[in-house]
Amino acid sequence: MVIQKKANGRVTFVCTLDPAPKTVYLVGDFNQWDPSRQKMVKMKDGSFRARVDLPAGTYQYKFVADGAWINDPDGERRVANPFGTLNSVVTVVEEAAPVVAAQTRFGSRRY
């Protein structure tokens, strides 16, 4: 599952499986589907996490748990891939810059 998306594009992926695997890697079109590139960190609660900085866009991904390629069981969305299985999908939205209000001697202004 994706638990956090911020304006700076930092996305946190979380993988929780039962039984818990020994190792999990994050793969996707953002890392050329390389199963050895993004090892996820095992947390005290048994989940695995990885943070990735992604520009705005839509990305497909999977987890590789002890060598098995699986889609995110808690993911937002899935799409079919050319191999006859599903990929999980995450969309990172570019957030608009905040509007700043200022009080000047000429009155209130919005920037």
PDB file of N, CA and C in Angstrom:
ATOM      1  N   MET A   1       0.846  -1.175   0.000  1.00  0.00           N
ATOM      2  CA  MET A   1       0.000   0.000   0.000  1.00  0.00           C
ATOM      3  C   MET A   1       0.883   1.226   0.000  1.00  0.00           C
ATOM      4  N   VAL A   2       0.360   2.289  -0.514  1.00  0.00           N
ATOM      5  CA  VAL A   2       1.045   3.569  -0.486  1.00  0.00           C
ATOM      6  C   VAL A   2       0.431   4.356   0.657  1.00  0.00           C
ATOM      7  N   ILE A   3       1.266   4.737   1.630  1.00  0.00           N
ATOM      8  CA  ILE A   3       0.695   5.396   2.796  1.00  0.00           C
ATOM      9  C   ILE A   3       0.885   6.898   2.806  1.00  0.00           C
ATOM     10  N   GLN A   4       1.788   7.392   1.969  1.00  0.00           N
ATOM     11  CA  GLN A   4       2.044   8.812   2.073  1.00  0.00           C
ATOM     12  C   GLN A   4       2.481   9.356   0.728  1.00  0.00           C
ATOM     13  N   LYS A   5       1.858  10.438   0.311  1.00  0.00           N
ATOM     14  CA  LYS A   5       2.276  11.153  -0.882  1.00  0.00           C
ATOM     15  C   LYS A   5       2.394  12.614  -0.490  1.00  0.00           C
ATOM     16  N   LYS A   6       3.527  13.202  -0.735  1.00  0.00           N
ATOM     17  CA  LYS A   6       3.738  14.590  -0.348  1.00  0.00           C
ATOM     18  C   LYS A   6       3.987  15.446  -1.579  1.00  0.00           C
ATOM     19  N   ALA A   7       3.927  16.748  -1.367  1.00  0.00           N
ATOM     20  CA  ALA A   7       4.125  17.701  -2.452  1.00  0.00           C
ATOM     21  C   ALA A   7       5.498  17.547  -3.090  1.00  0.00           C
ATOM     22  N   ASN A   8       6.472  17.109  -2.317  1.00  0.00           N
ATOM     23  CA  ASN A   8       7.814  16.966  -2.860  1.00  0.00           C
ATOM     24  C   ASN A   8       7.991  15.677  -3.646  1.00  0.00           C
ATOM     25  N   GLY A   9       6.926  14.858  -3.778  1.00  0.00           N
ATOM     26  CA  GLY A   9       7.001  13.633  -4.556  1.00  0.00           C
ATOM     27  C   GLY A   9       7.524  12.432  -3.796  1.00  0.00           C
ATOM     28  N   ARG A  10       7.732  12.556  -2.508  1.00  0.00           N
ATOM     29  CA  ARG A  10       8.204  11.417  -1.720  1.00  0.00           C
ATOM     30  C   ARG A  10       7.034  10.490  -1.433  1.00  0.00           C
ATOM     31  N   VAL A  11       7.158   9.253  -1.874  1.00  0.00           N
ATOM     32  CA  VAL A  11       6.106   8.261  -1.722  1.00  0.00           C
ATOM     33  C   VAL A  11       6.627   7.124  -0.865  1.00  0.00           C
ATOM     34  N   THR A  12       5.851   6.713   0.133  1.00  0.00           N
ATOM     35  CA  THR A  12       6.220   5.585   0.983  1.00  0.00           C
ATOM     36  C   THR A  12       5.355   4.388   0.611  1.00  0.00           C
ATOM     37  N   PHE A  13       6.019   3.306   0.230  1.00  0.00           N
ATOM     38  CA  PHE A  13       5.347   2.054  -0.098  1.00  0.00           C
ATOM     39  C   PHE A  13       5.459   1.133   1.112  1.00  0.00           C
ATOM     40  N   VAL A  14       4.371   0.420   1.425  1.00  0.00           N
ATOM     41  CA  VAL A  14       4.350  -0.501   2.556  1.00  0.00           C
ATOM     42  C   VAL A  14       3.849  -1.852   2.061  1.00  0.00           C
ATOM     43  N   CYS A  15       4.580  -2.903   2.427  1.00  0.00           N
ATOM     44  CA  CYS A  15       4.187  -4.261   2.076  1.00  0.00           C
ATOM     45  C   CYS A  15       3.992  -5.049   3.369  1.00  0.00           C
ATOM     46  N   THR A  16       2.758  -5.553   3.575  1.00  0.00           N
ATOM     47  CA  THR A  16       2.449  -6.369   4.741  1.00  0.00           C
ATOM     48  C   THR A  16       1.877  -7.689   4.238  1.00  0.00           C
ATOM     49  N   LEU A  17       2.585  -8.777   4.490  1.00  0.00           N
ATOM     50  CA  LEU A  17       2.165 -10.100   4.028  1.00  0.00           C
ATOM     51  C   LEU A  17       2.146 -11.074   5.202  1.00  0.00           C
ATOM     52  N   ASP A  18       1.271 -12.066   5.099  1.00  0.00           N
ATOM     53  CA  ASP A  18       1.194 -13.097   6.124  1.00  0.00           C
ATOM     54  C   ASP A  18       1.173 -14.454   5.431  1.00  0.00           C
ATOM     55  N   PRO A  19       2.159 -15.300   5.660  1.00  0.00           N
ATOM     56  CA  PRO A  19       3.275 -15.125   6.584  1.00  0.00           C
ATOM     57  C   PRO A  19       4.289 -14.114   6.051  1.00  0.00           C
ATOM     58  N   ALA A  20       5.026 -13.519   6.965  1.00  0.00           N
ATOM     59  CA  ALA A  20       5.993 -12.479   6.604  1.00  0.00           C
ATOM     60  C   ALA A  20       7.175 -13.088   5.855  1.00  0.00           C
ATOM     61  N   PRO A  21       7.541 -12.511   4.715  1.00  0.00           N
ATOM     62  CA  PRO A  21       8.716 -12.977   3.981  1.00  0.00           C
ATOM     63  C   PRO A  21       9.999 -12.527   4.666  1.00  0.00           C
ATOM     64  N   LYS A  22      11.121 -13.083   4.232  1.00  0.00           N
ATOM     65  CA  LYS A  22      12.418 -12.676   4.782  1.00  0.00           C
ATOM     66  C   LYS A  22      12.906 -11.387   4.132  1.00  0.00           C
ATOM     67  N   THR A  23      12.695 -11.274   2.820  1.00  0.00           N
ATOM     68  CA  THR A  23      13.117 -10.065   2.102  1.00  0.00           C
ATOM     69  C   THR A  23      12.028  -9.644   1.128  1.00  0.00           C
ATOM     70  N   VAL A  24      11.937  -8.322   0.920  1.00  0.00           N
ATOM     71  CA  VAL A  24      10.998  -7.762  -0.057  1.00  0.00           C
ATOM     72  C   VAL A  24      11.720  -6.647  -0.804  1.00  0.00           C
ATOM     73  N   TYR A  25      11.530  -6.641  -2.113  1.00  0.00           N
ATOM     74  CA  TYR A  25      12.053  -5.580  -2.962  1.00  0.00           C
ATOM     75  C   TYR A  25      10.887  -4.882  -3.633  1.00  0.00           C
ATOM     76  N   LEU A  26      11.035  -3.594  -3.889  1.00  0.00           N
ATOM     77  CA  LEU A  26      10.053  -2.804  -4.616  1.00  0.00           C
ATOM     78  C   LEU A  26      10.526  -2.686  -6.054  1.00  0.00           C
ATOM     79  N   VAL A  27       9.673  -3.070  -7.011  1.00  0.00           N
ATOM     80  CA  VAL A  27      10.010  -2.949  -8.430  1.00  0.00           C
ATOM     81  C   VAL A  27       8.904  -2.175  -9.124  1.00  0.00           C
ATOM     82  N   GLY A  28       9.274  -1.469 -10.185  1.00  0.00           N
ATOM     83  CA  GLY A  28       8.266  -0.725 -10.930  1.00  0.00           C
ATOM     84  C   GLY A  28       8.873  -0.045 -12.133  1.00  0.00           C
ATOM     85  N   ASP A  29       8.020   0.632 -12.891  1.00  0.00           N
ATOM     86  CA  ASP A  29       8.540   1.323 -14.064  1.00  0.00           C
ATOM     87  C   ASP A  29       9.437   2.499 -13.686  1.00  0.00           C
ATOM     88  N   PHE A  30       9.417   2.910 -12.420  1.00  0.00           N
ATOM     89  CA  PHE A  30      10.283   3.995 -11.946  1.00  0.00           C
ATOM     90  C   PHE A  30      11.704   3.514 -11.646  1.00  0.00           C
ATOM     91  N   ASN A  31      11.945   2.183 -11.602  1.00  0.00           N
ATOM     92  CA  ASN A  31      13.309   1.659 -11.396  1.00  0.00           C
ATOM     93  C   ASN A  31      13.639   0.546 -12.391  1.00  0.00           C
ATOM     94  N   GLN A  32      13.011   0.605 -13.562  1.00  0.00           N
ATOM     95  CA  GLN A  32      13.233  -0.324 -14.656  1.00  0.00           C
ATOM     96  C   GLN A  32      12.941  -1.777 -14.265  1.00  0.00           C
ATOM     97  N   TRP A  33      12.029  -1.981 -13.303  1.00  0.00           N
ATOM     98  CA  TRP A  33      11.606  -3.315 -12.859  1.00  0.00           C
ATOM     99  C   TRP A  33      12.792  -4.165 -12.398  1.00  0.00           C
ATOM    100  N   ASP A  34      13.794  -3.525 -11.849  1.00  0.00           N
ATOM    101  CA  ASP A  34      15.000  -4.227 -11.392  1.00  0.00           C
ATOM    102  C   ASP A  34      14.747  -4.830 -10.007  1.00  0.00           C
ATOM    103  N   PRO A  35      14.693  -6.171  -9.886  1.00  0.00           N
ATOM    104  CA  PRO A  35      14.351  -6.805  -8.608  1.00  0.00           C
ATOM    105  C   PRO A  35      15.449  -6.758  -7.548  1.00  0.00           C
ATOM    106  N   SER A  36      16.560  -6.125  -7.846  1.00  0.00           N
ATOM    107  CA  SER A  36      17.615  -6.020  -6.826  1.00  0.00           C
ATOM    108  C   SER A  36      17.941  -4.570  -6.499  1.00  0.00           C
ATOM    109  N   ARG A  37      17.190  -3.642  -7.039  1.00  0.00           N
ATOM    110  CA  ARG A  37      17.536  -2.223  -6.910  1.00  0.00           C
ATOM    111  C   ARG A  37      17.008  -1.553  -5.648  1.00  0.00           C
ATOM    112  N   GLN A  38      15.797  -1.875  -5.204  1.00  0.00           N
ATOM    113  CA  GLN A  38      15.176  -1.160  -4.080  1.00  0.00           C
ATOM    114  C   GLN A  38      14.732  -2.153  -3.013  1.00  0.00           C
ATOM    115  N   LYS A  39      15.666  -2.519  -2.134  1.00  0.00           N
ATOM    116  CA  LYS A  39      15.319  -3.415  -1.030  1.00  0.00           C
ATOM    117  C   LYS A  39      14.509  -2.634  -0.005  1.00  0.00           C
ATOM    118  N   MET A  40      13.416  -3.233   0.443  1.00  0.00           N
ATOM    119  CA  MET A  40      12.558  -2.591   1.431  1.00  0.00           C
ATOM    120  C   MET A  40      13.081  -2.915   2.832  1.00  0.00           C
ATOM    121  N   VAL A  41      12.837  -2.012   3.770  1.00  0.00           N
ATOM    122  CA  VAL A  41      13.324  -2.157   5.145  1.00  0.00           C
ATOM    123  C   VAL A  41      12.241  -2.821   5.992  1.00  0.00           C
ATOM    124  N   LYS A  42      12.634  -3.854   6.730  1.00  0.00           N
ATOM    125  CA  LYS A  42      11.682  -4.535   7.603  1.00  0.00           C
ATOM    126  C   LYS A  42      11.496  -3.720   8.883  1.00  0.00           C
ATOM    127  N   MET A  43      10.235  -3.480   9.226  1.00  0.00           N
ATOM    128  CA  MET A  43       9.901  -2.695  10.409  1.00  0.00           C
ATOM    129  C   MET A  43       9.591  -3.623  11.586  1.00  0.00           C
ATOM    130  N   LYS A  44       9.525  -3.062  12.791  1.00  0.00           N
ATOM    131  CA  LYS A  44       9.236  -3.861  13.993  1.00  0.00           C
ATOM    132  C   LYS A  44       7.878  -4.545  13.927  1.00  0.00           C
ATOM    133  N   ASP A  45       6.916  -3.930  13.220  1.00  0.00           N
ATOM    134  CA  ASP A  45       5.581  -4.525  13.124  1.00  0.00           C
ATOM    135  C   ASP A  45       5.504  -5.639  12.076  1.00  0.00           C
ATOM    136  N   GLY A  46       6.633  -5.952  11.414  1.00  0.00           N
ATOM    137  CA  GLY A  46       6.668  -7.015  10.417  1.00  0.00           C
ATOM    138  C   GLY A  46       6.444  -6.549   8.994  1.00  0.00           C
ATOM    139  N   SER A  47       6.029  -5.305   8.816  1.00  0.00           N
ATOM    140  CA  SER A  47       5.835  -4.769   7.466  1.00  0.00           C
ATOM    141  C   SER A  47       7.186  -4.366   6.876  1.00  0.00           C
ATOM    142  N   PHE A  48       7.196  -4.164   5.575  1.00  0.00           N
ATOM    143  CA  PHE A  48       8.382  -3.690   4.871  1.00  0.00           C
ATOM    144  C   PHE A  48       8.038  -2.348   4.253  1.00  0.00           C
ATOM    145  N   ARG A  49       8.999  -1.398   4.279  1.00  0.00           N
ATOM    146  CA  ARG A  49       8.761  -0.046   3.766  1.00  0.00           C
ATOM    147  C   ARG A  49       9.912   0.412   2.890  1.00  0.00           C
ATOM    148  N   ALA A  50       9.553   1.249   1.917  1.00  0.00           N
ATOM    149  CA  ALA A  50      10.548   1.898   1.059  1.00  0.00           C
ATOM    150  C   ALA A  50      10.013   3.264   0.670  1.00  0.00           C
ATOM    151  N   ARG A  51      10.891   4.258   0.678  1.00  0.00           N
ATOM    152  CA  ARG A  51      10.533   5.614   0.243  1.00  0.00           C
ATOM    153  C   ARG A  51      11.194   5.884  -1.094  1.00  0.00           C
ATOM    154  N   VAL A  52      10.408   6.459  -1.991  1.00  0.00           N
ATOM    155  CA  VAL A  52      10.902   6.769  -3.328  1.00  0.00           C
ATOM    156  C   VAL A  52      10.457   8.179  -3.678  1.00  0.00           C
ATOM    157  N   ASP A  53      11.359   8.961  -4.254  1.00  0.00           N
ATOM    158  CA  ASP A  53      11.014  10.295  -4.749  1.00  0.00           C
ATOM    159  C   ASP A  53      10.568  10.162  -6.194  1.00  0.00           C
ATOM    160  N   LEU A  54       9.317  10.535  -6.458  1.00  0.00           N
ATOM    161  CA  LEU A  54       8.747  10.399  -7.795  1.00  0.00           C
ATOM    162  C   LEU A  54       8.137  11.714  -8.249  1.00  0.00           C
ATOM    163  N   PRO A  55       8.402  12.114  -9.494  1.00  0.00           N
ATOM    164  CA  PRO A  55       7.704  13.286 -10.018  1.00  0.00           C
ATOM    165  C   PRO A  55       6.239  12.945 -10.268  1.00  0.00           C
ATOM    166  N   ALA A  56       5.423  13.964 -10.466  1.00  0.00           N
ATOM    167  CA  ALA A  56       4.002  13.746 -10.729  1.00  0.00           C
ATOM    168  C   ALA A  56       3.840  12.804 -11.917  1.00  0.00           C
ATOM    169  N   GLY A  57       2.914  11.869 -11.781  1.00  0.00           N
ATOM    170  CA  GLY A  57       2.659  10.913 -12.853  1.00  0.00           C
ATOM    171  C   GLY A  57       2.022   9.655 -12.299  1.00  0.00           C
ATOM    172  N   THR A  58       1.764   8.696 -13.185  1.00  0.00           N
ATOM    173  CA  THR A  58       1.179   7.422 -12.806  1.00  0.00           C
ATOM    174  C   THR A  58       2.220   6.339 -13.009  1.00  0.00           C
ATOM    175  N   TYR A  59       2.376   5.472 -12.010  1.00  0.00           N
ATOM    176  CA  TYR A  59       3.434   4.459 -12.013  1.00  0.00           C
ATOM    177  C   TYR A  59       2.854   3.081 -11.710  1.00  0.00           C
ATOM    178  N   GLN A  60       3.425   2.068 -12.356  1.00  0.00           N
ATOM    179  CA  GLN A  60       3.074   0.682 -12.066  1.00  0.00           C
ATOM    180  C   GLN A  60       4.183   0.076 -11.216  1.00  0.00           C
ATOM    181  N   TYR A  61       3.786  -0.826 -10.304  1.00  0.00           N
ATOM    182  CA  TYR A  61       4.778  -1.433  -9.414  1.00  0.00           C
ATOM    183  C   TYR A  61       4.303  -2.787  -8.920  1.00  0.00           C
ATOM    184  N   LYS A  62       5.243  -3.544  -8.347  1.00  0.00           N
ATOM    185  CA  LYS A  62       4.978  -4.815  -7.680  1.00  0.00           C
ATOM    186  C   LYS A  62       5.970  -4.946  -6.540  1.00  0.00           C
ATOM    187  N   PHE A  63       5.738  -5.957  -5.702  1.00  0.00           N
ATOM    188  CA  PHE A  63       6.698  -6.347  -4.685  1.00  0.00           C
ATOM    189  C   PHE A  63       7.303  -7.684  -5.095  1.00  0.00           C
ATOM    190  N   VAL A  64       8.577  -7.882  -4.770  1.00  0.00           N
ATOM    191  CA  VAL A  64       9.210  -9.182  -4.960  1.00  0.00           C
ATOM    192  C   VAL A  64       9.533  -9.695  -3.561  1.00  0.00           C
ATOM    193  N   ALA A  65       8.721 -10.645  -3.093  1.00  0.00           N
ATOM    194  CA  ALA A  65       8.831 -11.177  -1.731  1.00  0.00           C
ATOM    195  C   ALA A  65       9.445 -12.572  -1.792  1.00  0.00           C
ATOM    196  N   ASP A  66      10.650 -12.697  -1.262  1.00  0.00           N
ATOM    197  CA  ASP A  66      11.388 -13.974  -1.300  1.00  0.00           C
ATOM    198  C   ASP A  66      11.407 -14.552  -2.706  1.00  0.00           C
ATOM    199  N   GLY A  67      11.576 -13.689  -3.707  1.00  0.00           N
ATOM    200  CA  GLY A  67      11.694 -14.110  -5.095  1.00  0.00           C
ATOM    201  C   GLY A  67      10.390 -14.181  -5.862  1.00  0.00           C
ATOM    202  N   ALA A  68       9.245 -14.108  -5.201  1.00  0.00           N
ATOM    203  CA  ALA A  68       7.946 -14.172  -5.870  1.00  0.00           C
ATOM    204  C   ALA A  68       7.437 -12.770  -6.181  1.00  0.00           C
ATOM    205  N   TRP A  69       7.050 -12.523  -7.439  1.00  0.00           N
ATOM    206  CA  TRP A  69       6.521 -11.225  -7.856  1.00  0.00           C
ATOM    207  C   TRP A  69       5.037 -11.184  -7.520  1.00  0.00           C
ATOM    208  N   ILE A  70       4.646 -10.208  -6.691  1.00  0.00           N
ATOM    209  CA  ILE A  70       3.238 -10.099  -6.286  1.00  0.00           C
ATOM    210  C   ILE A  70       2.778  -8.650  -6.420  1.00  0.00           C
ATOM    211  N   ASN A  71       1.489  -8.485  -6.680  1.00  0.00           N
ATOM    212  CA  ASN A  71       0.968  -7.120  -6.688  1.00  0.00           C
ATOM    213  C   ASN A  71       0.631  -6.726  -5.245  1.00  0.00           C
ATOM    214  N   ASP A  72       0.420  -5.464  -5.053  1.00  0.00           N
ATOM    215  CA  ASP A  72       0.156  -4.914  -3.729  1.00  0.00           C
ATOM    216  C   ASP A  72      -1.266  -5.296  -3.310  1.00  0.00           C
ATOM    217  N   PRO A  73      -1.409  -6.159  -2.297  1.00  0.00           N
ATOM    218  CA  PRO A  73      -2.756  -6.572  -1.899  1.00  0.00           C
ATOM    219  C   PRO A  73      -3.606  -5.420  -1.356  1.00  0.00           C
ATOM    220  N   ASP A  74      -2.971  -4.347  -0.931  1.00  0.00           N
ATOM    221  CA  ASP A  74      -3.690  -3.191  -0.389  1.00  0.00           C
ATOM    222  C   ASP A  74      -3.603  -1.975  -1.311  1.00  0.00           C
ATOM    223  N   GLY A  75      -3.172  -2.175  -2.543  1.00  0.00           N
ATOM    224  CA  GLY A  75      -2.963  -1.066  -3.473  1.00  0.00           C
ATOM    225  C   GLY A  75      -4.250  -0.379  -3.888  1.00  0.00           C
ATOM    226  N   GLU A  76      -4.100   0.834  -4.387  1.00  0.00           N
ATOM    227  CA  GLU A  76      -5.233   1.653  -4.809  1.00  0.00           C
ATOM    228  C   GLU A  76      -5.920   1.105  -6.051  1.00  0.00           C
ATOM    229  N   ARG A  77      -5.115   0.582  -6.982  1.00  0.00           N
ATOM    230  CA  ARG A  77      -5.643   0.193  -8.283  1.00  0.00           C
ATOM    231  C   ARG A  77      -4.711  -0.825  -8.921  1.00  0.00           C
ATOM    232  N   ARG A  78      -5.238  -1.611  -9.855  1.00  0.00           N
ATOM    233  CA  ARG A  78      -4.434  -2.581 -10.584  1.00  0.00           C
ATOM    234  C   ARG A  78      -4.756  -2.497 -12.069  1.00  0.00           C
ATOM    235  N   VAL A  79      -3.749  -2.811 -12.893  1.00  0.00           N
ATOM    236  CA  VAL A  79      -3.949  -2.868 -14.340  1.00  0.00           C
ATOM    237  C   VAL A  79      -3.289  -4.144 -14.864  1.00  0.00           C
ATOM    238  N   ALA A  80      -3.821  -4.646 -15.969  1.00  0.00           N
ATOM    239  CA  ALA A  80      -3.251  -5.835 -16.602  1.00  0.00           C
ATOM    240  C   ALA A  80      -1.903  -5.484 -17.225  1.00  0.00           C
ATOM    241  N   ASN A  81      -0.984  -6.458 -17.203  1.00  0.00           N
ATOM    242  CA  ASN A  81       0.313  -6.273 -17.845  1.00  0.00           C
ATOM    243  C   ASN A  81       0.457  -7.274 -18.999  1.00  0.00           C
ATOM    244  N   PRO A  82       1.497  -7.160 -19.823  1.00  0.00           N
ATOM    245  CA  PRO A  82       1.648  -8.044 -20.982  1.00  0.00           C
ATOM    246  C   PRO A  82       1.926  -9.503 -20.622  1.00  0.00           C
ATOM    247  N   PHE A  83       2.174  -9.799 -19.363  1.00  0.00           N
ATOM    248  CA  PHE A  83       2.493 -11.165 -18.944  1.00  0.00           C
ATOM    249  C   PHE A  83       1.270 -11.921 -18.428  1.00  0.00           C
ATOM    250  N   GLY A  84       0.092 -11.296 -18.523  1.00  0.00           N
ATOM    251  CA  GLY A  84      -1.139 -11.952 -18.095  1.00  0.00           C
ATOM    252  C   GLY A  84      -1.410 -11.867 -16.606  1.00  0.00           C
ATOM    253  N   THR A  85      -0.679 -11.023 -15.901  1.00  0.00           N
ATOM    254  CA  THR A  85      -0.925 -10.793 -14.477  1.00  0.00           C
ATOM    255  C   THR A  85      -1.274  -9.326 -14.278  1.00  0.00           C
ATOM    256  N   LEU A  86      -1.356  -8.909 -13.048  1.00  0.00           N
ATOM    257  CA  LEU A  86      -1.701  -7.522 -12.736  1.00  0.00           C
ATOM    258  C   LEU A  86      -0.527  -6.782 -12.124  1.00  0.00           C
ATOM    259  N   ASN A  87      -0.457  -5.488 -12.381  1.00  0.00           N
ATOM    260  CA  ASN A  87       0.477  -4.587 -11.713  1.00  0.00           C
ATOM    261  C   ASN A  87      -0.329  -3.633 -10.848  1.00  0.00           C
ATOM    262  N   SER A  88       0.217  -3.263  -9.711  1.00  0.00           N
ATOM    263  CA  SER A  88      -0.394  -2.230  -8.877  1.00  0.00           C
ATOM    264  C   SER A  88      -0.061  -0.869  -9.474  1.00  0.00           C
ATOM    265  N   VAL A  89      -0.900   0.121  -9.184  1.00  0.00           N
ATOM    266  CA  VAL A  89      -0.738   1.454  -9.764  1.00  0.00           C
ATOM    267  C   VAL A  89      -0.801   2.495  -8.660  1.00  0.00           C
ATOM    268  N   VAL A  90       0.101   3.468  -8.725  1.00  0.00           N
ATOM    269  CA  VAL A  90       0.056   4.621  -7.828  1.00  0.00           C
ATOM    270  C   VAL A  90       0.152   5.877  -8.683  1.00  0.00           C
ATOM    271  N   THR A  91      -0.627   6.893  -8.307  1.00  0.00           N
ATOM    272  CA  THR A  91      -0.591   8.170  -9.004  1.00  0.00           C
ATOM    273  C   THR A  91      -0.095   9.237  -8.045  1.00  0.00           C
ATOM    274  N   VAL A  92       0.937   9.954  -8.478  1.00  0.00           N
ATOM    275  CA  VAL A  92       1.489  11.057  -7.702  1.00  0.00           C
ATOM    276  C   VAL A  92       1.004  12.345  -8.355  1.00  0.00           C
ATOM    277  N   VAL A  93       0.304  13.162  -7.586  1.00  0.00           N
ATOM    278  CA  VAL A  93      -0.280  14.392  -8.103  1.00  0.00           C
ATOM    279  C   VAL A  93       0.592  15.567  -7.688  1.00  0.00           C
ATOM    280  N   GLU A  94       0.866  16.427  -8.655  1.00  0.00           N
ATOM    281  CA  GLU A  94       1.613  17.642  -8.347  1.00  0.00           C
ATOM    282  C   GLU A  94       0.674  18.588  -7.631  1.00  0.00           C
ATOM    283  N   GLU A  95       1.059  19.004  -6.442  1.00  0.00           N
ATOM    284  CA  GLU A  95       0.205  19.904  -5.669  1.00  0.00           C
ATOM    285  C   GLU A  95       0.504  21.343  -6.043  1.00  0.00           C
ATOM    286  N   ALA A  96      -0.546  22.129  -6.077  1.00  0.00           N
ATOM    287  CA  ALA A  96      -0.405  23.546  -6.405  1.00  0.00           C
ATOM    288  C   ALA A  96       0.325  24.269  -5.281  1.00  0.00           C
ATOM    289  N   ALA A  97       1.022  25.311  -5.645  1.00  0.00           N
ATOM    290  CA  ALA A  97       1.697  26.134  -4.644  1.00  0.00           C
ATOM    291  C   ALA A  97       0.653  26.802  -3.762  1.00  0.00           C
ATOM    292  N   PRO A  98       0.934  26.926  -2.474  1.00  0.00           N
ATOM    293  CA  PRO A  98      -0.039  27.552  -1.590  1.00  0.00           C
ATOM    294  C   PRO A  98      -0.220  29.039  -1.903  1.00  0.00           C
ATOM    295  N   VAL A  99      -1.420  29.519  -1.657  1.00  0.00           N
ATOM    296  CA  VAL A  99      -1.703  30.945  -1.825  1.00  0.00           C
ATOM    297  C   VAL A  99      -1.277  31.659  -0.550  1.00  0.00           C
ATOM    298  N   VAL A 100      -0.516  32.701  -0.714  1.00  0.00           N
ATOM    299  CA  VAL A 100      -0.009  33.448   0.438  1.00  0.00           C
ATOM    300  C   VAL A 100      -0.764  34.767   0.520  1.00  0.00           C
ATOM    301  N   ALA A 101      -1.320  35.049   1.679  1.00  0.00           N
ATOM    302  CA  ALA A 101      -2.013  36.318   1.891  1.00  0.00           C
ATOM    303  C   ALA A 101      -1.108  37.226   2.709  1.00  0.00           C
ATOM    304  N   ALA A 102      -1.093  38.476   2.340  1.00  0.00           N
ATOM    305  CA  ALA A 102      -0.250  39.423   3.058  1.00  0.00           C
ATOM    306  C   ALA A 102      -1.029  40.702   3.325  1.00  0.00           C
ATOM    307  N   GLN A 103      -0.771  41.295   4.452  1.00  0.00           N
ATOM    308  CA  GLN A 103      -1.385  42.568   4.810  1.00  0.00           C
ATOM    309  C   GLN A 103      -0.340  43.645   4.536  1.00  0.00           C
ATOM    310  N   THR A 104      -0.680  44.594   3.681  1.00  0.00           N
ATOM    311  CA  THR A 104       0.240  45.690   3.394  1.00  0.00           C
ATOM    312  C   THR A 104      -0.425  46.989   3.787  1.00  0.00           C
ATOM    313  N   ARG A 105       0.273  48.084   3.670  1.00  0.00           N
ATOM    314  CA  ARG A 105      -0.317  49.364   4.019  1.00  0.00           C
ATOM    315  C   ARG A 105      -1.374  49.785   3.003  1.00  0.00           C
ATOM    316  N   PHE A 106      -1.443  49.026   1.864  1.00  0.00           N
ATOM    317  CA  PHE A 106      -2.444  49.296   0.847  1.00  0.00           C
ATOM    318  C   PHE A 106      -3.644  48.350   0.953  1.00  0.00           C
ATOM    319  N   GLY A 107      -3.661  47.517   2.010  1.00  0.00           N
ATOM    320  CA  GLY A 107      -4.750  46.554   2.183  1.00  0.00           C
ATOM    321  C   GLY A 107      -4.268  45.122   2.022  1.00  0.00           C
ATOM    322  N   SER A 108      -5.221  44.204   2.052  1.00  0.00           N
ATOM    323  CA  SER A 108      -4.890  42.789   1.910  1.00  0.00           C
ATOM    324  C   SER A 108      -4.612  42.431   0.466  1.00  0.00           C
ATOM    325  N   ARG A 109      -3.638  41.597   0.248  1.00  0.00           N
ATOM    326  CA  ARG A 109      -3.304  41.107  -1.085  1.00  0.00           C
ATOM    327  C   ARG A 109      -3.139  39.592  -1.039  1.00  0.00           C
ATOM    328  N   ARG A 110      -3.508  38.944  -2.129  1.00  0.00           N
ATOM    329  CA  ARG A 110      -3.281  37.501  -2.259  1.00  0.00           C
ATOM    330  C   ARG A 110      -2.243  37.287  -3.337  1.00  0.00           C
ATOM    331  N   TYR A 111      -1.250  36.477  -3.050  1.00  0.00           N
ATOM    332  CA  TYR A 111      -0.164  36.212  -3.999  1.00  0.00           C
ATOM    333  C   TYR A 111      -0.163  34.758  -4.392  1.00  0.00           C
TER     334      TYR A 111
END
